[in-house]
mmCIF file of all heavy atoms, coordinates in Angstrom:
data_MODEL
# 
_entry.id   MODEL 
# 
loop_
_atom_site.group_PDB 
_atom_site.id 
_atom_site.type_symbol 
_atom_site.label_atom_id 
_atom_site.label_alt_id 
_atom_site.label_comp_id 
_atom_site.label_asym_id 
_atom_site.label_entity_id 
_atom_site.label_seq_id 
_atom_site.pdbx_PDB_ins_code 
_atom_site.Cartn_x 
_atom_site.Cartn_y 
_atom_site.Cartn_z 
_atom_site.occupancy 
_atom_site.B_iso_or_equiv 
_atom_site.pdbx_formal_charge 
_atom_site.auth_seq_id 
_atom_site.auth_comp_id 
_atom_site.auth_asym_id 
_atom_site.auth_atom_id 
_atom_site.pdbx_PDB_model_num 
ATOM 1   N N   . LEU A 1 1  ? 16.222  6.162   -0.432 1.00 0.00 ? 1  LEU A N   1 
ATOM 2   C CA  . LEU A 1 1  ? 15.029  6.614   0.285  1.00 0.00 ? 1  LEU A CA  1 
ATOM 3   C C   . LEU A 1 1  ? 14.088  7.282   -0.628 1.00 0.00 ? 1  LEU A C   1 
ATOM 4   O O   . LEU A 1 1  ? 12.785  7.196   -0.448 1.00 0.00 ? 1  LEU A O   1 
ATOM 5   C CB  . LEU A 1 1  ? 15.544  7.671   1.333  1.00 0.00 ? 1  LEU A CB  1 
ATOM 6   C CG  . LEU A 1 1  ? 16.360  7.030   2.516  1.00 0.00 ? 1  LEU A CG  1 
ATOM 7   C CD1 . LEU A 1 1  ? 16.624  8.144   3.351  1.00 0.00 ? 1  LEU A CD1 1 
ATOM 8   C CD2 . LEU A 1 1  ? 15.654  5.897   3.124  1.00 0.00 ? 1  LEU A CD2 1 
ATOM 9   N N   . ARG A 1 2  ? 14.472  7.864   -1.735 1.00 0.00 ? 2  ARG A N   1 
ATOM 10  C CA  . ARG A 1 2  ? 13.544  8.479   -2.671 1.00 0.00 ? 2  ARG A CA  1 
ATOM 11  C C   . ARG A 1 2  ? 12.751  7.444   -3.409 1.00 0.00 ? 2  ARG A C   1 
ATOM 12  O O   . ARG A 1 2  ? 11.517  7.690   -3.491 1.00 0.00 ? 2  ARG A O   1 
ATOM 13  C CB  . ARG A 1 2  ? 14.398  9.355   -3.779 1.00 0.00 ? 2  ARG A CB  1 
ATOM 14  C CG  . ARG A 1 2  ? 13.500  10.041  -4.746 1.00 0.00 ? 2  ARG A CG  1 
ATOM 15  C CD  . ARG A 1 2  ? 14.268  10.908  -5.694 1.00 0.00 ? 2  ARG A CD  1 
ATOM 16  N NE  . ARG A 1 2  ? 14.877  12.165  -4.883 1.00 0.00 ? 2  ARG A NE  1 
ATOM 17  C CZ  . ARG A 1 2  ? 15.582  12.872  -5.348 1.00 0.00 ? 2  ARG A CZ  1 
ATOM 18  N NH1 . ARG A 1 2  ? 16.107  12.907  -6.512 1.00 0.00 ? 2  ARG A NH1 1 
ATOM 19  N NH2 . ARG A 1 2  ? 16.077  14.007  -4.562 1.00 0.00 ? 2  ARG A NH2 1 
ATOM 20  N N   . VAL A 1 3  ? 13.304  6.405   -3.786 1.00 0.00 ? 3  VAL A N   1 
ATOM 21  C CA  . VAL A 1 3  ? 12.508  5.313   -4.539 1.00 0.00 ? 3  VAL A CA  1 
ATOM 22  C C   . VAL A 1 3  ? 11.620  4.734   -3.568 1.00 0.00 ? 3  VAL A C   1 
ATOM 23  O O   . VAL A 1 3  ? 10.492  4.327   -3.846 1.00 0.00 ? 3  VAL A O   1 
ATOM 24  C CB  . VAL A 1 3  ? 13.498  4.385   -5.110 1.00 0.00 ? 3  VAL A CB  1 
ATOM 25  C CG1 . VAL A 1 3  ? 12.795  3.136   -5.781 1.00 0.00 ? 3  VAL A CG1 1 
ATOM 26  C CG2 . VAL A 1 3  ? 14.253  5.019   -6.279 1.00 0.00 ? 3  VAL A CG2 1 
ATOM 27  N N   . SER A 1 4  ? 12.126  4.245   -2.403 1.00 0.00 ? 4  SER A N   1 
ATOM 28  C CA  . SER A 1 4  ? 11.313  3.485   -1.406 1.00 0.00 ? 4  SER A CA  1 
ATOM 29  C C   . SER A 1 4  ? 10.175  4.376   -0.977 1.00 0.00 ? 4  SER A C   1 
ATOM 30  O O   . SER A 1 4  ? 9.006   3.693   -0.658 1.00 0.00 ? 4  SER A O   1 
ATOM 31  C CB  . SER A 1 4  ? 12.216  3.026   -0.359 1.00 0.00 ? 4  SER A CB  1 
ATOM 32  O OG  . SER A 1 4  ? 12.824  4.163   0.360  1.00 0.00 ? 4  SER A OG  1 
ATOM 33  N N   . SER A 1 5  ? 10.261  5.617   -0.929 1.00 0.00 ? 5  SER A N   1 
ATOM 34  C CA  . SER A 1 5  ? 9.092   6.499   -0.458 1.00 0.00 ? 5  SER A CA  1 
ATOM 35  C C   . SER A 1 5  ? 8.001   6.334   -1.444 1.00 0.00 ? 5  SER A C   1 
ATOM 36  O O   . SER A 1 5  ? 6.767   6.244   -0.916 1.00 0.00 ? 5  SER A O   1 
ATOM 37  C CB  . SER A 1 5  ? 9.523   8.029   -0.389 1.00 0.00 ? 5  SER A CB  1 
ATOM 38  O OG  . SER A 1 5  ? 10.535  8.253   0.588  1.00 0.00 ? 5  SER A OG  1 
ATOM 39  N N   . LEU A 1 6  ? 8.213   6.134   -2.732 1.00 0.00 ? 6  LEU A N   1 
ATOM 40  C CA  . LEU A 1 6  ? 7.079   5.947   -3.630 1.00 0.00 ? 6  LEU A CA  1 
ATOM 41  C C   . LEU A 1 6  ? 6.379   4.689   -3.290 1.00 0.00 ? 6  LEU A C   1 
ATOM 42  O O   . LEU A 1 6  ? 5.157   4.508   -3.397 1.00 0.00 ? 6  LEU A O   1 
ATOM 43  C CB  . LEU A 1 6  ? 7.584   5.933   -5.112 1.00 0.00 ? 6  LEU A CB  1 
ATOM 44  C CG  . LEU A 1 6  ? 8.090   7.350   -5.468 1.00 0.00 ? 6  LEU A CG  1 
ATOM 45  C CD1 . LEU A 1 6  ? 8.735   7.247   -6.856 1.00 0.00 ? 6  LEU A CD1 1 
ATOM 46  C CD2 . LEU A 1 6  ? 7.107   8.453   -5.430 1.00 0.00 ? 6  LEU A CD2 1 
ATOM 47  N N   . LEU A 1 7  ? 7.195   3.627   -2.972 1.00 0.00 ? 7  LEU A N   1 
ATOM 48  C CA  . LEU A 1 7  ? 6.541   2.275   -2.633 1.00 0.00 ? 7  LEU A CA  1 
ATOM 49  C C   . LEU A 1 7  ? 5.486   2.417   -1.559 1.00 0.00 ? 7  LEU A C   1 
ATOM 50  O O   . LEU A 1 7  ? 4.528   1.723   -1.379 1.00 0.00 ? 7  LEU A O   1 
ATOM 51  C CB  . LEU A 1 7  ? 7.694   1.260   -2.448 1.00 0.00 ? 7  LEU A CB  1 
ATOM 52  C CG  . LEU A 1 7  ? 8.470   0.712   -3.656 1.00 0.00 ? 7  LEU A CG  1 
ATOM 53  C CD1 . LEU A 1 7  ? 9.423   -0.319  -3.126 1.00 0.00 ? 7  LEU A CD1 1 
ATOM 54  C CD2 . LEU A 1 7  ? 7.341   -0.161  -4.515 1.00 0.00 ? 7  LEU A CD2 1 
ATOM 55  N N   . CYS A 1 8  ? 6.067   3.043   -0.449 1.00 0.00 ? 8  CYS A N   1 
ATOM 56  C CA  . CYS A 1 8  ? 5.310   3.296   0.704  1.00 0.00 ? 8  CYS A CA  1 
ATOM 57  C C   . CYS A 1 8  ? 4.023   3.923   0.534  1.00 0.00 ? 8  CYS A C   1 
ATOM 58  O O   . CYS A 1 8  ? 2.864   3.357   0.881  1.00 0.00 ? 8  CYS A O   1 
ATOM 59  C CB  . CYS A 1 8  ? 6.078   3.994   1.787  1.00 0.00 ? 8  CYS A CB  1 
ATOM 60  S SG  . CYS A 1 8  ? 5.177   4.313   3.221  1.00 0.00 ? 8  CYS A SG  1 
ATOM 61  N N   . VAL A 1 9  ? 3.986   4.908   -0.282 1.00 0.00 ? 9  VAL A N   1 
ATOM 62  C CA  . VAL A 1 9  ? 2.773   5.647   -0.644 1.00 0.00 ? 9  VAL A CA  1 
ATOM 63  C C   . VAL A 1 9  ? 1.854   4.820   -1.400 1.00 0.00 ? 9  VAL A C   1 
ATOM 64  O O   . VAL A 1 9  ? 0.600   4.659   -1.107 1.00 0.00 ? 9  VAL A O   1 
ATOM 65  C CB  . VAL A 1 9  ? 3.002   7.049   -1.492 1.00 0.00 ? 9  VAL A CB  1 
ATOM 66  C CG1 . VAL A 1 9  ? 1.794   7.504   -1.992 1.00 0.00 ? 9  VAL A CG1 1 
ATOM 67  C CG2 . VAL A 1 9  ? 3.859   7.938   -0.603 1.00 0.00 ? 9  VAL A CG2 1 
ATOM 68  N N   . ALA A 1 10 ? 2.345   4.014   -2.401 1.00 0.00 ? 10 ALA A N   1 
ATOM 69  C CA  . ALA A 1 10 ? 1.490   3.237   -3.249 1.00 0.00 ? 10 ALA A CA  1 
ATOM 70  C C   . ALA A 1 10 ? 0.846   1.911   -2.294 1.00 0.00 ? 10 ALA A C   1 
ATOM 71  O O   . ALA A 1 10 ? -0.346  1.670   -2.508 1.00 0.00 ? 10 ALA A O   1 
ATOM 72  C CB  . ALA A 1 10 ? 2.352   2.510   -4.329 1.00 0.00 ? 10 ALA A CB  1 
ATOM 73  N N   . GLY A 1 11 ? 1.672   1.455   -1.352 1.00 0.00 ? 11 GLY A N   1 
ATOM 74  C CA  . GLY A 1 11 ? 1.106   0.364   -0.565 1.00 0.00 ? 11 GLY A CA  1 
ATOM 75  C C   . GLY A 1 11 ? 0.050   0.908   0.358  1.00 0.00 ? 11 GLY A C   1 
ATOM 76  O O   . GLY A 1 11 ? -1.025  0.144   0.510  1.00 0.00 ? 11 GLY A O   1 
ATOM 77  N N   . VAL A 1 12 ? 0.137   1.994   0.986  1.00 0.00 ? 12 VAL A N   1 
ATOM 78  C CA  . VAL A 1 12 ? -0.878  2.473   1.898  1.00 0.00 ? 12 VAL A CA  1 
ATOM 79  C C   . VAL A 1 12 ? -2.177  2.809   1.112  1.00 0.00 ? 12 VAL A C   1 
ATOM 80  O O   . VAL A 1 12 ? -3.249  2.524   1.609  1.00 0.00 ? 12 VAL A O   1 
ATOM 81  C CB  . VAL A 1 12 ? -0.316  3.747   2.682  1.00 0.00 ? 12 VAL A CB  1 
ATOM 82  C CG1 . VAL A 1 12 ? -1.504  4.280   3.635  1.00 0.00 ? 12 VAL A CG1 1 
ATOM 83  C CG2 . VAL A 1 12 ? 0.768   3.251   3.645  1.00 0.00 ? 12 VAL A CG2 1 
ATOM 84  N N   . LEU A 1 13 ? -2.073  3.429   -0.031 1.00 0.00 ? 13 LEU A N   1 
ATOM 85  C CA  . LEU A 1 13 ? -3.154  3.753   -0.776 1.00 0.00 ? 13 LEU A CA  1 
ATOM 86  C C   . LEU A 1 13 ? -3.889  2.540   -1.348 1.00 0.00 ? 13 LEU A C   1 
ATOM 87  O O   . LEU A 1 13 ? -5.127  2.497   -1.181 1.00 0.00 ? 13 LEU A O   1 
ATOM 88  C CB  . LEU A 1 13 ? -2.805  4.564   -2.030 1.00 0.00 ? 13 LEU A CB  1 
ATOM 89  C CG  . LEU A 1 13 ? -2.183  6.089   -1.743 1.00 0.00 ? 13 LEU A CG  1 
ATOM 90  C CD1 . LEU A 1 13 ? -1.744  6.690   -3.065 1.00 0.00 ? 13 LEU A CD1 1 
ATOM 91  C CD2 . LEU A 1 13 ? -3.327  6.773   -1.157 1.00 0.00 ? 13 LEU A CD2 1 
ATOM 92  N N   . LEU A 1 14 ? -3.125  1.467   -1.435 1.00 0.00 ? 14 LEU A N   1 
ATOM 93  C CA  . LEU A 1 14 ? -3.812  0.183   -1.872 1.00 0.00 ? 14 LEU A CA  1 
ATOM 94  C C   . LEU A 1 14 ? -4.612  -0.365  -0.744 1.00 0.00 ? 14 LEU A C   1 
ATOM 95  O O   . LEU A 1 14 ? -5.885  -0.823  -0.823 1.00 0.00 ? 14 LEU A O   1 
ATOM 96  C CB  . LEU A 1 14 ? -2.744  -0.859  -2.273 1.00 0.00 ? 14 LEU A CB  1 
ATOM 97  C CG  . LEU A 1 14 ? -3.315  -2.205  -2.516 1.00 0.00 ? 14 LEU A CG  1 
ATOM 98  C CD1 . LEU A 1 14 ? -4.269  -2.289  -3.709 1.00 0.00 ? 14 LEU A CD1 1 
ATOM 99  C CD2 . LEU A 1 14 ? -2.121  -3.301  -2.776 1.00 0.00 ? 14 LEU A CD2 1 
ATOM 100 N N   . ALA A 1 15 ? -4.041  -0.309  0.469  1.00 0.00 ? 15 ALA A N   1 
ATOM 101 C CA  . ALA A 1 15 ? -4.798  -0.758  1.785  1.00 0.00 ? 15 ALA A CA  1 
ATOM 102 C C   . ALA A 1 15 ? -5.985  0.159   1.996  1.00 0.00 ? 15 ALA A C   1 
ATOM 103 O O   . ALA A 1 15 ? -7.081  -0.391  2.408  1.00 0.00 ? 15 ALA A O   1 
ATOM 104 C CB  . ALA A 1 15 ? -3.885  -0.823  2.897  1.00 0.00 ? 15 ALA A CB  1 
ATOM 105 N N   . LEU A 1 16 ? -5.893  1.333   1.660  1.00 0.00 ? 16 LEU A N   1 
ATOM 106 C CA  . LEU A 1 16 ? -6.956  2.224   1.938  1.00 0.00 ? 16 LEU A CA  1 
ATOM 107 C C   . LEU A 1 16 ? -8.172  2.217   0.960  1.00 0.00 ? 16 LEU A C   1 
ATOM 108 O O   . LEU A 1 16 ? -9.289  2.303   1.419  1.00 0.00 ? 16 LEU A O   1 
ATOM 109 C CB  . LEU A 1 16 ? -6.467  3.644   2.112  1.00 0.00 ? 16 LEU A CB  1 
ATOM 110 C CG  . LEU A 1 16 ? -5.600  4.051   3.135  1.00 0.00 ? 16 LEU A CG  1 
ATOM 111 C CD1 . LEU A 1 16 ? -5.110  5.562   3.044  1.00 0.00 ? 16 LEU A CD1 1 
ATOM 112 C CD2 . LEU A 1 16 ? -6.151  3.751   4.555  1.00 0.00 ? 16 LEU A CD2 1 
ATOM 113 N N   . PHE A 1 17 ? -7.900  1.897   -0.275 1.00 0.00 ? 17 PHE A N   1 
ATOM 114 C CA  . PHE A 1 17 ? -8.968  1.928   -1.241 1.00 0.00 ? 17 PHE A CA  1 
ATOM 115 C C   . PHE A 1 17 ? -9.437  0.543   -1.568 1.00 0.00 ? 17 PHE A C   1 
ATOM 116 O O   . PHE A 1 17 ? -10.435 0.554   -2.345 1.00 0.00 ? 17 PHE A O   1 
ATOM 117 C CB  . PHE A 1 17 ? -8.444  2.775   -2.450 1.00 0.00 ? 17 PHE A CB  1 
ATOM 118 C CG  . PHE A 1 17 ? -8.231  4.216   -2.305 1.00 0.00 ? 17 PHE A CG  1 
ATOM 119 C CD1 . PHE A 1 17 ? -7.026  4.886   -2.163 1.00 0.00 ? 17 PHE A CD1 1 
ATOM 120 C CD2 . PHE A 1 17 ? -9.404  4.981   -2.251 1.00 0.00 ? 17 PHE A CD2 1 
ATOM 121 C CE1 . PHE A 1 17 ? -7.021  6.161   -1.884 1.00 0.00 ? 17 PHE A CE1 1 
ATOM 122 C CE2 . PHE A 1 17 ? -9.401  6.396   -2.184 1.00 0.00 ? 17 PHE A CE2 1 
ATOM 123 C CZ  . PHE A 1 17 ? -8.021  6.903   -1.960 1.00 0.00 ? 17 PHE A CZ  1 
ATOM 124 N N   . TRP A 1 18 ? -8.776  -0.571  -1.216 1.00 0.00 ? 18 TRP A N   1 
ATOM 125 C CA  . TRP A 1 18 ? -9.236  -1.791  -1.607 1.00 0.00 ? 18 TRP A CA  1 
ATOM 126 C C   . TRP A 1 18 ? -9.378  -2.550  -0.269 1.00 0.00 ? 18 TRP A C   1 
ATOM 127 O O   . TRP A 1 18 ? -8.443  -3.217  0.156  1.00 0.00 ? 18 TRP A O   1 
ATOM 128 C CB  . TRP A 1 18 ? -8.281  -2.555  -2.504 1.00 0.00 ? 18 TRP A CB  1 
ATOM 129 C CG  . TRP A 1 18 ? -8.817  -3.727  -3.100 1.00 0.00 ? 18 TRP A CG  1 
ATOM 130 C CD1 . TRP A 1 18 ? -10.005 -4.341  -2.907 1.00 0.00 ? 18 TRP A CD1 1 
ATOM 131 C CD2 . TRP A 1 18 ? -8.272  -4.567  -4.143 1.00 0.00 ? 18 TRP A CD2 1 
ATOM 132 N NE1 . TRP A 1 18 ? -10.298 -5.464  -3.589 1.00 0.00 ? 18 TRP A NE1 1 
ATOM 133 C CE2 . TRP A 1 18 ? -9.181  -5.687  -4.518 1.00 0.00 ? 18 TRP A CE2 1 
ATOM 134 C CE3 . TRP A 1 18 ? -7.009  -4.471  -4.810 1.00 0.00 ? 18 TRP A CE3 1 
ATOM 135 C CZ2 . TRP A 1 18 ? -8.926  -6.553  -5.459 1.00 0.00 ? 18 TRP A CZ2 1 
ATOM 136 C CZ3 . TRP A 1 18 ? -6.802  -5.385  -5.810 1.00 0.00 ? 18 TRP A CZ3 1 
ATOM 137 C CH2 . TRP A 1 18 ? -7.688  -6.554  -6.108 1.00 0.00 ? 18 TRP A CH2 1 
ATOM 138 N N   . ARG A 1 19 ? -10.572 -2.451  0.451  1.00 0.00 ? 19 ARG A N   1 
ATOM 139 C CA  . ARG A 1 19 ? -10.714 -2.930  1.809  1.00 0.00 ? 19 ARG A CA  1 
ATOM 140 C C   . ARG A 1 19 ? -11.071 -4.365  1.876  1.00 0.00 ? 19 ARG A C   1 
ATOM 141 O O   . ARG A 1 19 ? -12.185 -4.703  2.499  1.00 0.00 ? 19 ARG A O   1 
ATOM 142 C CB  . ARG A 1 19 ? -11.705 -1.988  2.442  1.00 0.00 ? 19 ARG A CB  1 
ATOM 143 C CG  . ARG A 1 19 ? -11.149 -0.594  2.550  1.00 0.00 ? 19 ARG A CG  1 
ATOM 144 C CD  . ARG A 1 19 ? -12.168 0.457   3.242  1.00 0.00 ? 19 ARG A CD  1 
ATOM 145 N NE  . ARG A 1 19 ? -11.654 1.732   3.193  1.00 0.00 ? 19 ARG A NE  1 
ATOM 146 C CZ  . ARG A 1 19 ? -12.374 2.825   3.524  1.00 0.00 ? 19 ARG A CZ  1 
ATOM 147 N NH1 . ARG A 1 19 ? -13.542 2.669   4.162  1.00 0.00 ? 19 ARG A NH1 1 
ATOM 148 N NH2 . ARG A 1 19 ? -11.871 4.059   3.436  1.00 0.00 ? 19 ARG A NH2 1 
ATOM 149 N N   . GLU A 1 20 ? -10.236 -5.161  1.243  1.00 0.00 ? 20 GLU A N   1 
ATOM 150 C CA  . GLU A 1 20 ? -10.480 -6.670  1.383  1.00 0.00 ? 20 GLU A CA  1 
ATOM 151 C C   . GLU A 1 20 ? -9.152  -7.066  2.132  1.00 0.00 ? 20 GLU A C   1 
ATOM 152 O O   . GLU A 1 20 ? -8.145  -6.551  1.937  1.00 0.00 ? 20 GLU A O   1 
ATOM 153 C CB  . GLU A 1 20 ? -10.507 -7.320  0.009  1.00 0.00 ? 20 GLU A CB  1 
ATOM 154 C CG  . GLU A 1 20 ? -11.715 -7.001  -0.757 1.00 0.00 ? 20 GLU A CG  1 
ATOM 155 C CD  . GLU A 1 20 ? -12.974 -7.487  -0.195 1.00 0.00 ? 20 GLU A CD  1 
ATOM 156 O OE1 . GLU A 1 20 ? -12.800 -8.549  0.481  1.00 0.00 ? 20 GLU A OE1 1 
ATOM 157 O OE2 . GLU A 1 20 ? -14.024 -6.936  -0.348 1.00 0.00 ? 20 GLU A OE2 1 
ATOM 158 N N   . PRO A 1 21 ? -9.278  -8.071  2.992  1.00 0.00 ? 21 PRO A N   1 
ATOM 159 C CA  . PRO A 1 21 ? -8.193  -8.608  3.699  1.00 0.00 ? 21 PRO A CA  1 
ATOM 160 C C   . PRO A 1 21 ? -6.914  -8.793  3.025  1.00 0.00 ? 21 PRO A C   1 
ATOM 161 O O   . PRO A 1 21 ? -5.865  -8.255  3.287  1.00 0.00 ? 21 PRO A O   1 
ATOM 162 C CB  . PRO A 1 21 ? -8.704  -9.970  4.417  1.00 0.00 ? 21 PRO A CB  1 
ATOM 163 C CG  . PRO A 1 21 ? -10.159 -9.609  4.562  1.00 0.00 ? 21 PRO A CG  1 
ATOM 164 C CD  . PRO A 1 21 ? -10.528 -8.912  3.282  1.00 0.00 ? 21 PRO A CD  1 
ATOM 165 N N   . LEU A 1 22 ? -7.029  -9.614  1.935  1.00 0.00 ? 22 LEU A N   1 
ATOM 166 C CA  . LEU A 1 22 ? -5.842  -9.899  1.091  1.00 0.00 ? 22 LEU A CA  1 
ATOM 167 C C   . LEU A 1 22 ? -5.192  -8.614  0.503  1.00 0.00 ? 22 LEU A C   1 
ATOM 168 O O   . LEU A 1 22 ? -3.932  -8.428  0.500  1.00 0.00 ? 22 LEU A O   1 
ATOM 169 C CB  . LEU A 1 22 ? -6.077  -10.828 0.000  1.00 0.00 ? 22 LEU A CB  1 
ATOM 170 C CG  . LEU A 1 22 ? -4.878  -11.299 -0.791 1.00 0.00 ? 22 LEU A CG  1 
ATOM 171 C CD1 . LEU A 1 22 ? -3.874  -11.930 0.016  1.00 0.00 ? 22 LEU A CD1 1 
ATOM 172 C CD2 . LEU A 1 22 ? -5.502  -12.309 -1.959 1.00 0.00 ? 22 LEU A CD2 1 
ATOM 173 N N   . ALA A 1 23 ? -5.898  -7.710  -0.080 1.00 0.00 ? 23 ALA A N   1 
ATOM 174 C CA  . ALA A 1 23 ? -5.459  -6.494  -0.621 1.00 0.00 ? 23 ALA A CA  1 
ATOM 175 C C   . ALA A 1 23 ? -4.775  -5.660  0.509  1.00 0.00 ? 23 ALA A C   1 
ATOM 176 O O   . ALA A 1 23 ? -3.860  -4.999  0.219  1.00 0.00 ? 23 ALA A O   1 
ATOM 177 C CB  . ALA A 1 23 ? -6.630  -5.761  -1.404 1.00 0.00 ? 23 ALA A CB  1 
ATOM 178 N N   . ALA A 1 24 ? -5.521  -5.478  1.509  1.00 0.00 ? 24 ALA A N   1 
ATOM 179 C CA  . ALA A 1 24 ? -4.882  -4.757  2.655  1.00 0.00 ? 24 ALA A CA  1 
ATOM 180 C C   . ALA A 1 24 ? -3.503  -5.272  3.134  1.00 0.00 ? 24 ALA A C   1 
ATOM 181 O O   . ALA A 1 24 ? -2.539  -4.483  3.377  1.00 0.00 ? 24 ALA A O   1 
ATOM 182 C CB  . ALA A 1 24 ? -5.793  -4.736  3.757  1.00 0.00 ? 24 ALA A CB  1 
ATOM 183 N N   . VAL A 1 25 ? -3.436  -6.637  3.196  1.00 0.00 ? 25 VAL A N   1 
ATOM 184 C CA  . VAL A 1 25 ? -2.269  -7.121  3.538  1.00 0.00 ? 25 VAL A CA  1 
ATOM 185 C C   . VAL A 1 25 ? -1.148  -7.014  2.572  1.00 0.00 ? 25 VAL A C   1 
ATOM 186 O O   . VAL A 1 25 ? 0.095   -6.674  2.922  1.00 0.00 ? 25 VAL A O   1 
ATOM 187 C CB  . VAL A 1 25 ? -2.356  -8.866  3.718  1.00 0.00 ? 25 VAL A CB  1 
ATOM 188 C CG1 . VAL A 1 25 ? -1.052  -9.494  3.763  1.00 0.00 ? 25 VAL A CG1 1 
ATOM 189 C CG2 . VAL A 1 25 ? -3.197  -9.053  5.012  1.00 0.00 ? 25 VAL A CG2 1 
ATOM 190 N N   . VAL A 1 26 ? -1.403  -7.045  1.288  1.00 0.00 ? 26 VAL A N   1 
ATOM 191 C CA  . VAL A 1 26 ? -0.370  -6.658  0.242  1.00 0.00 ? 26 VAL A CA  1 
ATOM 192 C C   . VAL A 1 26 ? -0.097  -5.273  0.357  1.00 0.00 ? 26 VAL A C   1 
ATOM 193 O O   . VAL A 1 26 ? 1.152   -4.933  0.258  1.00 0.00 ? 26 VAL A O   1 
ATOM 194 C CB  . VAL A 1 26 ? -1.077  -6.982  -1.123 1.00 0.00 ? 26 VAL A CB  1 
ATOM 195 C CG1 . VAL A 1 26 ? -0.109  -6.537  -2.181 1.00 0.00 ? 26 VAL A CG1 1 
ATOM 196 C CG2 . VAL A 1 26 ? -1.238  -8.438  -1.384 1.00 0.00 ? 26 VAL A CG2 1 
ATOM 197 N N   . GLY A 1 27 ? -0.946  -4.375  0.521  1.00 0.00 ? 27 GLY A N   1 
ATOM 198 C CA  . GLY A 1 27 ? -0.686  -2.960  0.693  1.00 0.00 ? 27 GLY A CA  1 
ATOM 199 C C   . GLY A 1 27 ? 0.281   -2.708  1.938  1.00 0.00 ? 27 GLY A C   1 
ATOM 200 O O   . GLY A 1 27 ? 1.294   -1.922  1.710  1.00 0.00 ? 27 GLY A O   1 
ATOM 201 N N   . PHE A 1 28 ? 0.019   -3.217  3.030  1.00 0.00 ? 28 PHE A N   1 
ATOM 202 C CA  . PHE A 1 28 ? 0.913   -3.073  4.190  1.00 0.00 ? 28 PHE A CA  1 
ATOM 203 C C   . PHE A 1 28 ? 2.267   -3.659  3.947  1.00 0.00 ? 28 PHE A C   1 
ATOM 204 O O   . PHE A 1 28 ? 3.277   -3.077  4.419  1.00 0.00 ? 28 PHE A O   1 
ATOM 205 C CB  . PHE A 1 28 ? 0.169   -3.560  5.434  1.00 0.00 ? 28 PHE A CB  1 
ATOM 206 C CG  . PHE A 1 28 ? -1.044  -2.887  5.836  1.00 0.00 ? 28 PHE A CG  1 
ATOM 207 C CD1 . PHE A 1 28 ? -2.179  -3.544  6.246  1.00 0.00 ? 28 PHE A CD1 1 
ATOM 208 C CD2 . PHE A 1 28 ? -0.971  -1.445  6.095  1.00 0.00 ? 28 PHE A CD2 1 
ATOM 209 C CE1 . PHE A 1 28 ? -3.313  -2.782  6.658  1.00 0.00 ? 28 PHE A CE1 1 
ATOM 210 C CE2 . PHE A 1 28 ? -1.966  -0.765  6.511  1.00 0.00 ? 28 PHE A CE2 1 
ATOM 211 C CZ  . PHE A 1 28 ? -3.212  -1.463  6.782  1.00 0.00 ? 28 PHE A CZ  1 
# 
């Protein structure tokens, strides 16, 4: 859970700061 929490944060930040459909899909 500790390691996977970091992945979750990274993914949501990617979707929030790179607002292109493909980037958002990768982030989610």
